[in-house]
Amino acid sequence: MNYDEIFVVLPKHNWTTKIKEWNKDKIHILANKTEKYEILEEIQSNLNKNKIGYTLDWLSLGFFIDEKWFLDKTKNKGLYRVSNCLDGKCTAEILIKHILTNCDLFCITKDNQKYLNSALNLCQLHPKLKELKYGIVQFISKNKDTVVKSLVAYIDNKFYEGQREQVTILNGDKYGDRFSNEDLAEGVSYIIFLFSKFIGLSDQRIVFPDPVLIESDMLERMVFDAATIRFIAEQEIFIESMHYQCLIEDERLVIRPSSIE
C-alpha cells in the first residue's frame, strides 16, 4: 500500500488519531524514497505557510512510516532549532512537543528522545532571542546608511586591540565564559546578514563609517546580542551532531557533552 491509497481514508485533520487506529490494528505502511520526499516537502511547505495543524498531520504520517528517516531529514532542515523561529512563534517547540507526546506511537528511541528534550529545553530561550533579534533589526533600520562600514571598523579595531570581552547576557546567565573577538566577528557577520535580508546591500550603504556610532554603547550592545544568537545556534549544532545535551539544573540551562553526567 502506498501513501496515495492511504490518503483516501485519512481525515482532513488530526491524522494522529487515525494513525493510532492503524497502530492498534498493527497496520504497517510502506513508502518508497520518492513518496517519502513528497511527504517531507508537504511538511516543509505547510510549515512555511504557517499551517501548523497540517504540518503536524504530515509529520505524524512520516514518523509513522519511518521514524528514523523523517527525524533525520527534518532535523537536517533545522525544524527543531529555536534560532530558526525568531520571526514569529516557536514552531520548533510545537513540533517537538507533538513528537514527544506521541513518542511511543512513533517508536522514538531513547537517544532521540534525549535529543528532542534538549532541543525543547533550548526553546525556553525563544522569547529572549526573539527580542534580541528584533532590537538588532530596529537598530540597523535606524542606521542603515552607515552601520555596515561601522561594524567592519568596530571589529577591525577589536582585533587590532587584541582584547577579549566579558559579556553577561540573557537575564544574568553566562552562555560561555567569554566572547572572544572571533565570537564578536560572528555577531558582526550575523548583523550584516540581517541587513542584507531586511534592507539590502548596495554601494551607497557600505561606503562611510560613522565614528560616533563605532564608539557607541548601542553598537557594541547589538554586536553582543548578535553574538548571543550565534552562540545558541552553534549549541544547537552541537546538540544535533555531537550528542550534546541541554539540561535544566537549578532553574538554569546547562549545555554539555552527553558523556559528562
C-alpha atoms as a PDB file:
ATOM      1  CA  MET A   1       0.000   0.000   0.000  1.00  0.00           C
ATOM      2  CA  ASN A   2       1.478   3.367  -0.923  1.00  0.00           C
ATOM      3  CA  TYR A   3       0.565   6.682   0.649  1.00  0.00           C
ATOM      4  CA  ASP A   4      -1.758   7.715  -2.222  1.00  0.00           C
ATOM      5  CA  GLU A   5      -4.077   4.900  -1.152  1.00  0.00           C
ATOM      6  CA  ILE A   6      -3.816   5.940   2.479  1.00  0.00           C
ATOM      7  CA  PHE A   7      -4.993   9.478   1.802  1.00  0.00           C
ATOM      8  CA  VAL A   8      -8.436   8.259   0.810  1.00  0.00           C
ATOM      9  CA  VAL A   9      -9.218   7.179   4.364  1.00  0.00           C
ATOM     10  CA  LEU A  10      -7.405   9.936   6.255  1.00  0.00           C
ATOM     11  CA  PRO A  11      -9.472  12.610   7.972  1.00  0.00           C
ATOM     12  CA  LYS A  12      -8.908  16.204   6.889  1.00  0.00           C
ATOM     13  CA  HIS A  13      -7.252  16.992  10.184  1.00  0.00           C
ATOM     14  CA  ASN A  14      -5.669  15.335  13.235  1.00  0.00           C
ATOM     15  CA  TRP A  15      -4.182  12.356  11.474  1.00  0.00           C
ATOM     16  CA  THR A  16      -2.543  11.239  14.698  1.00  0.00           C
ATOM     17  CA  THR A  17      -5.926   9.826  15.785  1.00  0.00           C
ATOM     18  CA  LYS A  18      -6.149   7.748  12.603  1.00  0.00           C
ATOM     19  CA  ILE A  19      -2.568   6.586  12.969  1.00  0.00           C
ATOM     20  CA  LYS A  20      -3.346   5.377  16.492  1.00  0.00           C
ATOM     21  CA  GLU A  21      -6.087   3.214  14.996  1.00  0.00           C
ATOM     22  CA  TRP A  22      -3.642   1.791  12.461  1.00  0.00           C
ATOM     23  CA  ASN A  23      -1.153   1.130  15.223  1.00  0.00           C
ATOM     24  CA  LYS A  24      -3.788  -0.658  17.285  1.00  0.00           C
ATOM     25  CA  ASP A  25      -4.659  -2.888  14.299  1.00  0.00           C
ATOM     26  CA  LYS A  26      -0.942  -3.463  13.618  1.00  0.00           C
ATOM     27  CA  ILE A  27      -1.159  -1.957  10.139  1.00  0.00           C
ATOM     28  CA  HIS A  28       2.245  -1.291   8.587  1.00  0.00           C
ATOM     29  CA  ILE A  29       2.576   1.350   5.887  1.00  0.00           C
ATOM     30  CA  LEU A  30       5.377   1.282   3.347  1.00  0.00           C
ATOM     31  CA  ALA A  31       6.541   4.174   1.176  1.00  0.00           C
ATOM     32  CA  ASN A  32       9.339   4.352  -1.355  1.00  0.00           C
ATOM     33  CA  LYS A  33      12.007   7.053  -1.366  1.00  0.00           C
ATOM     34  CA  THR A  34      10.129   9.321  -3.782  1.00  0.00           C
ATOM     35  CA  GLU A  35       6.969   9.164  -1.674  1.00  0.00           C
ATOM     36  CA  LYS A  36       8.954   9.941   1.480  1.00  0.00           C
ATOM     37  CA  TYR A  37      10.421  13.048  -0.109  1.00  0.00           C
ATOM     38  CA  GLU A  38       6.953  14.142  -1.206  1.00  0.00           C
ATOM     39  CA  ILE A  39       5.747  13.859   2.393  1.00  0.00           C
ATOM     40  CA  LEU A  40       8.837  15.777   3.525  1.00  0.00           C
ATOM     41  CA  GLU A  41       8.030  18.536   1.050  1.00  0.00           C
ATOM     42  CA  GLU A  42       4.489  18.728   2.402  1.00  0.00           C
ATOM     43  CA  ILE A  43       5.849  19.092   5.959  1.00  0.00           C
ATOM     44  CA  GLN A  44       8.120  21.958   4.924  1.00  0.00           C
ATOM     45  CA  SER A  45       5.549  23.613   2.659  1.00  0.00           C
ATOM     46  CA  ASN A  46       2.810  23.683   5.308  1.00  0.00           C
ATOM     47  CA  LEU A  47       5.268  24.915   7.920  1.00  0.00           C
ATOM     48  CA  ASN A  48       6.364  27.748   5.612  1.00  0.00           C
ATOM     49  CA  LYS A  49       2.700  28.700   5.179  1.00  0.00           C
ATOM     50  CA  ASN A  50       2.270  28.607   8.973  1.00  0.00           C
ATOM     51  CA  LYS A  51      -0.299  25.815   8.660  1.00  0.00           C
ATOM     52  CA  ILE A  52       0.765  24.138  11.878  1.00  0.00           C
ATOM     53  CA  GLY A  53      -2.104  21.667  12.051  1.00  0.00           C
ATOM     54  CA  TYR A  54      -1.378  20.265   8.600  1.00  0.00           C
ATOM     55  CA  THR A  55       2.339  20.285   9.353  1.00  0.00           C
ATOM     56  CA  LEU A  56       1.699  18.056  12.365  1.00  0.00           C
ATOM     57  CA  ASP A  57      -0.523  15.800  10.255  1.00  0.00           C
ATOM     58  CA  TRP A  58       2.140  15.214   7.608  1.00  0.00           C
ATOM     59  CA  LEU A  59       4.812  14.900  10.282  1.00  0.00           C
ATOM     60  CA  SER A  60       2.742  12.226  12.027  1.00  0.00           C
ATOM     61  CA  LEU A  61       2.320  10.295   8.805  1.00  0.00           C
ATOM     62  CA  GLY A  62       6.029  10.489   8.071  1.00  0.00           C
ATOM     63  CA  PHE A  63       7.074   9.382  11.547  1.00  0.00           C
ATOM     64  CA  PHE A  64       4.595   6.515  11.458  1.00  0.00           C
ATOM     65  CA  ILE A  65       6.090   5.310   8.171  1.00  0.00           C
ATOM     66  CA  ASP A  66       9.777   5.686   9.060  1.00  0.00           C
ATOM     67  CA  GLU A  67      10.622   7.451  12.319  1.00  0.00           C
ATOM     68  CA  LYS A  68      14.395   7.429  11.869  1.00  0.00           C
ATOM     69  CA  TRP A  69      14.394   8.687   8.261  1.00  0.00           C
ATOM     70  CA  PHE A  70      11.954  11.527   8.909  1.00  0.00           C
ATOM     71  CA  LEU A  71      13.606  12.628  12.154  1.00  0.00           C
ATOM     72  CA  ASP A  72      16.989  12.791  10.429  1.00  0.00           C
ATOM     73  CA  LYS A  73      15.638  14.713   7.444  1.00  0.00           C
ATOM     74  CA  THR A  74      13.572  17.199   9.457  1.00  0.00           C
ATOM     75  CA  LYS A  75      16.475  17.696  11.861  1.00  0.00           C
ATOM     76  CA  ASN A  76      18.774  18.468   8.913  1.00  0.00           C
ATOM     77  CA  LYS A  77      16.271  21.079   7.740  1.00  0.00           C
ATOM     78  CA  GLY A  78      16.525  22.804  11.118  1.00  0.00           C
ATOM     79  CA  LEU A  79      12.882  22.307  12.037  1.00  0.00           C
ATOM     80  CA  TYR A  80      13.724  21.835  15.715  1.00  0.00           C
ATOM     81  CA  ARG A  81      16.059  24.815  16.098  1.00  0.00           C
ATOM     82  CA  VAL A  82      14.824  27.742  18.152  1.00  0.00           C
ATOM     83  CA  SER A  83      17.258  30.002  16.267  1.00  0.00           C
ATOM     84  CA  ASN A  84      15.167  29.446  13.116  1.00  0.00           C
ATOM     85  CA  CYS A  85      11.971  30.646  14.816  1.00  0.00           C
ATOM     86  CA  LEU A  86      12.875  34.219  15.751  1.00  0.00           C
ATOM     87  CA  ASP A  87      10.489  35.952  13.333  1.00  0.00           C
ATOM     88  CA  GLY A  88       7.337  34.548  14.921  1.00  0.00           C
ATOM     89  CA  LYS A  89       6.080  31.856  17.238  1.00  0.00           C
ATOM     90  CA  CYS A  90       8.327  28.983  18.222  1.00  0.00           C
ATOM     91  CA  THR A  91       7.196  26.314  15.784  1.00  0.00           C
ATOM     92  CA  ALA A  92      10.131  24.136  16.882  1.00  0.00           C
ATOM     93  CA  GLU A  93       8.573  23.844  20.327  1.00  0.00           C
ATOM     94  CA  ILE A  94       5.196  22.873  18.853  1.00  0.00           C
ATOM     95  CA  LEU A  95       6.694  20.165  16.644  1.00  0.00           C
ATOM     96  CA  ILE A  96       8.897  18.736  19.389  1.00  0.00           C
ATOM     97  CA  LYS A  97       6.080  18.574  21.934  1.00  0.00           C
ATOM     98  CA  HIS A  98       3.875  16.793  19.398  1.00  0.00           C
ATOM     99  CA  ILE A  99       6.554  14.172  18.717  1.00  0.00           C
ATOM    100  CA  LEU A 100       7.353  13.619  22.398  1.00  0.00           C
ATOM    101  CA  THR A 101       3.661  13.353  23.283  1.00  0.00           C
ATOM    102  CA  ASN A 102       3.374  10.536  20.738  1.00  0.00           C
ATOM    103  CA  CYS A 103       6.862   9.062  21.186  1.00  0.00           C
ATOM    104  CA  ASP A 104       5.510   5.574  21.880  1.00  0.00           C
ATOM    105  CA  LEU A 105       3.251   5.705  18.841  1.00  0.00           C
ATOM    106  CA  PHE A 106       6.152   6.818  16.636  1.00  0.00           C
ATOM    107  CA  CYS A 107       8.630   4.421  18.309  1.00  0.00           C
ATOM    108  CA  ILE A 108      11.078   7.214  19.134  1.00  0.00           C
ATOM    109  CA  THR A 109      14.297   5.759  20.543  1.00  0.00           C
ATOM    110  CA  LYS A 110      15.640   6.815  23.941  1.00  0.00           C
ATOM    111  CA  ASP A 111      18.604   8.606  22.339  1.00  0.00           C
ATOM    112  CA  ASN A 112      16.312  10.570  20.041  1.00  0.00           C
ATOM    113  CA  GLN A 113      14.085  11.422  22.987  1.00  0.00           C
ATOM    114  CA  LYS A 114      17.156  12.863  24.721  1.00  0.00           C
ATOM    115  CA  TYR A 115      17.909  14.967  21.644  1.00  0.00           C
ATOM    116  CA  LEU A 116      14.327  16.213  21.388  1.00  0.00           C
ATOM    117  CA  ASN A 117      14.185  17.077  25.092  1.00  0.00           C
ATOM    118  CA  SER A 118      17.433  19.026  24.745  1.00  0.00           C
ATOM    119  CA  ALA A 119      16.058  20.937  21.765  1.00  0.00           C
ATOM    120  CA  LEU A 120      12.850  21.572  23.700  1.00  0.00           C
ATOM    121  CA  ASN A 121      14.788  22.973  26.658  1.00  0.00           C
ATOM    122  CA  LEU A 122      16.554  25.422  24.355  1.00  0.00           C
ATOM    123  CA  CYS A 123      13.135  26.632  23.192  1.00  0.00           C
ATOM    124  CA  GLN A 124      12.807  28.328  26.593  1.00  0.00           C
ATOM    125  CA  LEU A 125      15.163  30.957  25.191  1.00  0.00           C
ATOM    126  CA  HIS A 126      12.790  31.848  22.350  1.00  0.00           C
ATOM    127  CA  PRO A 127      11.218  34.994  23.889  1.00  0.00           C
ATOM    128  CA  LYS A 128      14.607  36.492  24.780  1.00  0.00           C
ATOM    129  CA  LEU A 129      16.310  35.590  21.495  1.00  0.00           C
ATOM    130  CA  LYS A 130      13.341  36.933  19.532  1.00  0.00           C
ATOM    131  CA  GLU A 131      13.594  40.188  21.481  1.00  0.00           C
ATOM    132  CA  LEU A 132      17.327  40.418  20.742  1.00  0.00           C
ATOM    133  CA  LYS A 133      16.802  39.884  17.014  1.00  0.00           C
ATOM    134  CA  TYR A 134      14.010  42.466  16.899  1.00  0.00           C
ATOM    135  CA  GLY A 135      16.283  45.005  18.580  1.00  0.00           C
ATOM    136  CA  ILE A 136      19.039  44.332  16.035  1.00  0.00           C
ATOM    137  CA  VAL A 137      16.671  44.780  13.087  1.00  0.00           C
ATOM    138  CA  GLN A 138      15.391  48.059  14.551  1.00  0.00           C
ATOM    139  CA  PHE A 139      18.965  49.233  15.066  1.00  0.00           C
ATOM    140  CA  ILE A 140      20.093  48.562  11.502  1.00  0.00           C
ATOM    141  CA  SER A 141      16.920  50.185  10.142  1.00  0.00           C
ATOM    142  CA  LYS A 142      17.729  53.397  12.015  1.00  0.00           C
ATOM    143  CA  ASN A 143      21.380  53.393  10.942  1.00  0.00           C
ATOM    144  CA  LYS A 144      21.139  51.817   7.506  1.00  0.00           C
ATOM    145  CA  ASP A 145      23.405  54.324   5.735  1.00  0.00           C
ATOM    146  CA  THR A 146      26.458  53.782   7.952  1.00  0.00           C
ATOM    147  CA  VAL A 147      26.012  50.644  10.025  1.00  0.00           C
ATOM    148  CA  VAL A 148      27.779  48.157   7.706  1.00  0.00           C
ATOM    149  CA  LYS A 149      31.059  50.074   7.454  1.00  0.00           C
ATOM    150  CA  SER A 150      30.829  50.994  11.133  1.00  0.00           C
ATOM    151  CA  LEU A 151      30.555  47.307  12.060  1.00  0.00           C
ATOM    152  CA  VAL A 152      33.589  46.445   9.938  1.00  0.00           C
ATOM    153  CA  ALA A 153      35.596  49.249  11.564  1.00  0.00           C
ATOM    154  CA  TYR A 154      34.417  48.166  15.027  1.00  0.00           C
ATOM    155  CA  ILE A 155      35.509  44.543  14.691  1.00  0.00           C
ATOM    156  CA  ASP A 156      38.751  45.534  12.954  1.00  0.00           C
ATOM    157  CA  ASN A 157      39.567  47.686  15.964  1.00  0.00           C
ATOM    158  CA  LYS A 158      38.781  44.804  18.324  1.00  0.00           C
ATOM    159  CA  PHE A 159      41.288  42.540  16.594  1.00  0.00           C
ATOM    160  CA  TYR A 160      43.838  45.351  16.497  1.00  0.00           C
ATOM    161  CA  GLU A 161      43.495  45.857  20.241  1.00  0.00           C
ATOM    162  CA  GLY A 162      43.597  42.093  20.807  1.00  0.00           C
ATOM    163  CA  GLN A 163      41.160  42.294  23.709  1.00  0.00           C
ATOM    164  CA  ARG A 164      38.530  39.817  24.841  1.00  0.00           C
ATOM    165  CA  GLU A 165      35.183  40.981  26.048  1.00  0.00           C
ATOM    166  CA  GLN A 166      33.445  39.637  29.153  1.00  0.00           C
ATOM    167  CA  VAL A 167      29.744  39.559  28.426  1.00  0.00           C
ATOM    168  CA  THR A 168      26.813  38.829  30.733  1.00  0.00           C
ATOM    169  CA  ILE A 169      23.687  38.029  28.757  1.00  0.00           C
ATOM    170  CA  LEU A 170      20.191  36.590  28.937  1.00  0.00           C
ATOM    171  CA  ASN A 171      18.978  37.774  32.312  1.00  0.00           C
ATOM    172  CA  GLY A 172      22.319  37.387  34.043  1.00  0.00           C
ATOM    173  CA  ASP A 173      23.165  33.903  32.810  1.00  0.00           C
ATOM    174  CA  LYS A 174      26.526  33.461  31.137  1.00  0.00           C
ATOM    175  CA  TYR A 175      26.445  31.406  27.947  1.00  0.00           C
ATOM    176  CA  GLY A 176      30.139  30.678  27.595  1.00  0.00           C
ATOM    177  CA  ASP A 177      32.655  32.233  29.965  1.00  0.00           C
ATOM    178  CA  ARG A 178      33.785  34.772  27.422  1.00  0.00           C
ATOM    179  CA  PHE A 179      33.056  36.125  23.979  1.00  0.00           C
ATOM    180  CA  SER A 180      36.309  36.155  22.034  1.00  0.00           C
ATOM    181  CA  ASN A 181      36.947  38.538  19.178  1.00  0.00           C
ATOM    182  CA  GLU A 182      36.107  35.646  16.864  1.00  0.00           C
ATOM    183  CA  ASP A 183      32.721  35.319  18.585  1.00  0.00           C
ATOM    184  CA  LEU A 184      32.121  39.045  18.171  1.00  0.00           C
ATOM    185  CA  ALA A 185      33.076  38.750  14.497  1.00  0.00           C
ATOM    186  CA  GLU A 186      30.370  36.090  14.173  1.00  0.00           C
ATOM    187  CA  GLY A 187      27.965  38.604  15.702  1.00  0.00           C
ATOM    188  CA  VAL A 188      29.002  41.243  13.176  1.00  0.00           C
ATOM    189  CA  SER A 189      28.529  38.707  10.377  1.00  0.00           C
ATOM    190  CA  TYR A 190      25.017  37.952  11.633  1.00  0.00           C
ATOM    191  CA  ILE A 191      24.059  41.626  11.724  1.00  0.00           C
ATOM    192  CA  ILE A 192      25.307  42.110   8.157  1.00  0.00           C
ATOM    193  CA  PHE A 193      23.299  39.042   7.133  1.00  0.00           C
ATOM    194  CA  LEU A 194      20.161  40.595   8.660  1.00  0.00           C
ATOM    195  CA  PHE A 195      20.984  43.900   6.954  1.00  0.00           C
ATOM    196  CA  SER A 196      21.197  42.149   3.593  1.00  0.00           C
ATOM    197  CA  LYS A 197      17.928  40.325   4.272  1.00  0.00           C
ATOM    198  CA  PHE A 198      15.819  43.235   5.509  1.00  0.00           C
ATOM    199  CA  ILE A 199      17.488  46.300   3.928  1.00  0.00           C
ATOM    200  CA  GLY A 200      19.630  45.074   1.071  1.00  0.00           C
ATOM    201  CA  LEU A 201      23.299  45.769   0.443  1.00  0.00           C
ATOM    202  CA  SER A 202      24.231  48.497  -2.035  1.00  0.00           C
ATOM    203  CA  ASP A 203      27.318  50.576  -2.798  1.00  0.00           C
ATOM    204  CA  GLN A 204      25.676  53.659  -1.300  1.00  0.00           C
ATOM    205  CA  ARG A 205      25.268  51.949   2.079  1.00  0.00           C
ATOM    206  CA  ILE A 206      28.726  50.439   2.535  1.00  0.00           C
ATOM    207  CA  VAL A 207      30.907  53.476   1.822  1.00  0.00           C
ATOM    208  CA  PHE A 208      31.303  55.506   5.015  1.00  0.00           C
ATOM    209  CA  PRO A 209      31.540  54.511   8.679  1.00  0.00           C
ATOM    210  CA  ASP A 210      30.188  56.708  11.455  1.00  0.00           C
ATOM    211  CA  PRO A 211      32.885  57.424  14.100  1.00  0.00           C
ATOM    212  CA  VAL A 212      30.252  58.245  16.715  1.00  0.00           C
ATOM    213  CA  LEU A 213      28.370  55.033  16.011  1.00  0.00           C
ATOM    214  CA  ILE A 214      31.568  52.970  16.180  1.00  0.00           C
ATOM    215  CA  GLU A 215      32.275  54.210  19.700  1.00  0.00           C
ATOM    216  CA  SER A 216      28.682  53.991  20.876  1.00  0.00           C
ATOM    217  CA  ASP A 217      27.466  51.599  23.548  1.00  0.00           C
ATOM    218  CA  MET A 218      24.480  50.773  21.356  1.00  0.00           C
ATOM    219  CA  LEU A 219      26.540  49.316  18.507  1.00  0.00           C
ATOM    220  CA  GLU A 220      28.548  47.225  20.956  1.00  0.00           C
ATOM    221  CA  ARG A 221      25.356  46.029  22.622  1.00  0.00           C
ATOM    222  CA  MET A 222      23.955  44.961  19.234  1.00  0.00           C
ATOM    223  CA  VAL A 223      27.140  43.029  18.445  1.00  0.00           C
ATOM    224  CA  PHE A 224      26.912  41.266  21.819  1.00  0.00           C
ATOM    225  CA  ASP A 225      23.248  40.434  21.203  1.00  0.00           C
ATOM    226  CA  ALA A 226      24.025  39.075  17.739  1.00  0.00           C
ATOM    227  CA  ALA A 227      26.913  37.021  19.147  1.00  0.00           C
ATOM    228  CA  THR A 228      24.470  35.586  21.685  1.00  0.00           C
ATOM    229  CA  ILE A 229      22.099  34.407  18.943  1.00  0.00           C
ATOM    230  CA  ARG A 230      25.005  32.931  17.001  1.00  0.00           C
ATOM    231  CA  PHE A 231      26.254  31.186  20.135  1.00  0.00           C
ATOM    232  CA  ILE A 232      22.902  29.492  20.736  1.00  0.00           C
ATOM    233  CA  ALA A 233      22.724  28.472  17.065  1.00  0.00           C
ATOM    234  CA  GLU A 234      26.147  26.879  17.479  1.00  0.00           C
ATOM    235  CA  GLN A 235      24.990  24.953  20.537  1.00  0.00           C
ATOM    236  CA  GLU A 236      22.064  23.621  18.528  1.00  0.00           C
ATOM    237  CA  ILE A 237      24.513  22.127  16.043  1.00  0.00           C
ATOM    238  CA  PHE A 238      26.467  20.524  18.897  1.00  0.00           C
ATOM    239  CA  ILE A 239      23.221  19.020  20.223  1.00  0.00           C
ATOM    240  CA  GLU A 240      22.186  17.730  16.792  1.00  0.00           C
ATOM    241  CA  SER A 241      25.514  16.427  15.540  1.00  0.00           C
ATOM    242  CA  MET A 242      27.807  15.865  18.513  1.00  0.00           C
ATOM    243  CA  HIS A 243      25.349  14.439  21.059  1.00  0.00           C
ATOM    244  CA  TYR A 244      25.495  17.387  23.459  1.00  0.00           C
ATOM    245  CA  GLN A 245      22.616  17.712  25.893  1.00  0.00           C
ATOM    246  CA  CYS A 246      20.750  20.759  27.148  1.00  0.00           C
ATOM    247  CA  LEU A 247      19.547  20.102  30.684  1.00  0.00           C
ATOM    248  CA  ILE A 248      17.739  22.138  33.307  1.00  0.00           C
ATOM    249  CA  GLU A 249      19.667  22.274  36.567  1.00  0.00           C
ATOM    250  CA  ASP A 250      18.755  24.640  39.414  1.00  0.00           C
ATOM    251  CA  GLU A 251      16.425  26.507  37.041  1.00  0.00           C
ATOM    252  CA  ARG A 252      19.290  27.179  34.623  1.00  0.00           C
ATOM    253  CA  LEU A 253      20.067  25.686  31.229  1.00  0.00           C
ATOM    254  CA  VAL A 254      23.282  23.674  31.110  1.00  0.00           C
ATOM    255  CA  ILE A 255      24.747  22.526  27.787  1.00  0.00           C
ATOM    256  CA  ARG A 256      27.423  19.819  27.878  1.00  0.00           C
ATOM    257  CA  PRO A 257      28.551  16.614  26.163  1.00  0.00           C
ATOM    258  CA  SER A 258      26.364  13.629  26.959  1.00  0.00           C
ATOM    259  CA  SER A 259      29.446  11.792  28.198  1.00  0.00           C
ATOM    260  CA  ILE A 260      29.601  14.188  31.164  1.00  0.00           C
ATOM    261  CA  GLU A 261      26.993  13.221  33.754  1.00  0.00           C
END
